[in-house]
């Protein structure tokens, strides 16, 4: 389904990413469609990675995990978490069509991050 958004909505979503996530210590926050196209993003000065490649690969990863969920009898796995030595990835489904990808360091607790992501998702759904 094609969903149209205007610049005001995009600006509001990017403001949510900045205020709720980047200012809380997240390195990057990206809203993508399920094909990996970036809808909105915000990143801190610490962000050194290619967000476009990350978005495309993350959408593919989420799609693969979604298929695995169905194989084991689950409707979906609505979030994914990958722990690295220095940086971590967290994926959350926002809507049927949108995914929120965050990268963060070990200085941000997973529990705090999940709370901030939950708040952000609610705000993004209201805007979308």
Protein backbone atom coordinates (compact mmCIF):
# COMPACT_ATOMS: atom_id res chain seq x y z
CA UNK A 1 0.00 0.00 0.00
CA UNK A 2 1.35 3.41 -0.94
CA UNK A 3 1.19 5.92 1.87
CA UNK A 4 1.82 9.57 1.13
CA UNK A 5 3.30 11.89 3.69
CA UNK A 6 4.00 15.58 3.50
CA UNK A 7 7.11 17.49 4.52
CA UNK A 8 5.50 18.61 7.79
CA UNK A 9 4.93 14.98 8.82
CA UNK A 10 8.51 14.04 7.89
CA UNK A 11 9.86 16.98 9.88
CA UNK A 12 7.78 15.93 12.90
CA UNK A 13 9.01 12.33 12.67
CA UNK A 14 12.64 13.47 12.44
CA UNK A 15 12.03 15.73 15.45
CA UNK A 16 10.77 12.71 17.41
CA UNK A 17 13.91 10.77 16.44
CA UNK A 18 16.15 13.66 17.49
CA UNK A 19 14.43 14.55 20.77
CA UNK A 20 13.45 11.07 21.99
CA UNK A 21 16.40 9.02 20.78
CA UNK A 22 19.48 10.98 19.66
CA UNK A 23 19.34 13.28 22.69
CA UNK A 24 19.07 10.12 24.85
CA UNK A 25 22.40 8.79 23.57
CA UNK A 26 21.39 6.84 20.46
CA UNK A 27 23.96 7.03 17.67
CA UNK A 28 21.47 6.80 14.79
CA UNK A 29 17.72 6.37 14.41
CA UNK A 30 16.25 5.49 11.03
CA UNK A 31 12.65 4.93 9.97
CA UNK A 32 12.53 2.75 6.85
CA UNK A 33 9.89 1.03 4.81
CA UNK A 34 10.03 -2.75 4.53
CA UNK A 35 12.03 -2.45 1.28
CA UNK A 36 14.77 -0.55 3.11
CA UNK A 37 14.04 2.94 1.79
CA UNK A 38 14.74 5.63 4.36
CA UNK A 39 11.65 7.61 5.33
CA UNK A 40 13.26 9.69 8.09
CA UNK A 41 16.53 9.62 9.98
CA UNK A 42 18.57 11.41 12.58
CA UNK A 43 22.11 10.74 13.72
CA UNK A 44 24.56 11.97 16.29
CA UNK A 45 28.06 13.27 15.63
CA UNK A 46 29.32 9.79 16.66
CA UNK A 47 27.65 8.16 13.64
CA UNK A 48 30.30 7.03 11.16
CA UNK A 49 28.41 4.35 9.24
CA UNK A 50 26.50 4.41 5.96
CA UNK A 51 22.87 4.68 7.03
CA UNK A 52 21.60 3.85 3.52
CA UNK A 53 23.36 0.48 3.40
CA UNK A 54 22.33 -0.19 7.00
CA UNK A 55 18.69 0.57 6.18
CA UNK A 56 18.61 -1.77 3.19
CA UNK A 57 20.34 -4.63 5.02
CA UNK A 58 18.25 -4.16 8.16
CA UNK A 59 15.00 -4.38 6.20
CA UNK A 60 16.22 -7.60 4.60
CA UNK A 61 17.25 -8.97 7.99
CA UNK A 62 13.88 -8.10 9.48
CA UNK A 63 12.12 -9.75 6.53
CA UNK A 64 14.14 -12.94 6.99
CA UNK A 65 13.38 -13.06 10.71
CA UNK A 66 9.69 -12.44 9.96
CA UNK A 67 9.71 -15.53 7.72
CA UNK A 68 11.44 -17.54 10.47
CA UNK A 69 8.75 -16.46 12.94
CA UNK A 70 6.08 -17.90 10.69
CA UNK A 71 8.00 -21.19 10.35
CA UNK A 72 7.99 -21.64 14.15
CA UNK A 73 4.31 -20.69 14.39
CA UNK A 74 4.58 -17.07 15.51
CA UNK A 75 2.67 -14.27 13.83
CA UNK A 76 5.77 -12.08 14.00
CA UNK A 77 8.81 -11.14 16.04
CA UNK A 78 8.15 -7.43 16.41
CA UNK A 79 11.64 -6.50 17.56
CA UNK A 80 15.22 -7.63 17.02
CA UNK A 81 18.35 -6.86 18.97
CA UNK A 82 21.96 -7.44 17.89
CA UNK A 83 24.70 -6.95 20.49
CA UNK A 84 28.16 -5.97 19.33
CA UNK A 85 31.37 -5.22 21.16
CA UNK A 86 31.05 -1.45 20.75
CA UNK A 87 27.73 -0.82 18.98
CA UNK A 88 24.38 -2.50 19.07
CA UNK A 89 21.38 -2.60 16.74
CA UNK A 90 17.74 -2.55 17.74
CA UNK A 91 14.90 -3.02 15.23
CA UNK A 92 11.25 -2.38 16.04
CA UNK A 93 8.19 -2.59 13.86
CA UNK A 94 6.36 0.75 13.85
CA UNK A 95 3.49 -0.18 11.50
CA UNK A 96 2.94 -2.93 8.93
CA UNK A 97 4.95 -0.76 6.52
CA UNK A 98 7.58 0.87 8.76
CA UNK A 99 10.58 -0.23 10.79
CA UNK A 100 12.63 1.80 13.30
CA UNK A 101 16.33 0.95 13.36
CA UNK A 102 18.53 2.35 16.11
CA UNK A 103 22.25 2.00 16.69
CA UNK A 104 23.61 2.67 20.15
CA UNK A 105 26.69 2.12 22.25
CA UNK A 106 27.13 0.26 25.50
CA UNK A 107 26.65 3.51 27.43
CA UNK A 108 22.88 3.30 26.79
CA UNK A 109 21.02 0.59 28.70
CA UNK A 110 18.76 -1.69 26.68
CA UNK A 111 15.85 -1.20 29.12
CA UNK A 112 16.07 2.59 28.86
CA UNK A 113 16.36 2.36 25.08
CA UNK A 114 13.31 0.11 24.79
CA UNK A 115 11.28 2.59 26.86
CA UNK A 116 12.38 5.52 24.65
CA UNK A 117 11.71 3.51 21.48
CA UNK A 118 8.22 2.62 22.69
CA UNK A 119 7.48 6.32 23.29
CA UNK A 120 8.92 7.20 19.87
CA UNK A 121 6.87 4.56 18.09
CA UNK A 122 3.66 5.86 19.65
CA UNK A 123 4.53 9.40 18.53
CA UNK A 124 5.48 8.28 15.01
CA UNK A 125 2.25 6.29 14.62
CA UNK A 126 0.25 9.36 15.65
CA UNK A 127 2.06 11.45 13.02
CA UNK A 128 1.97 8.79 10.29
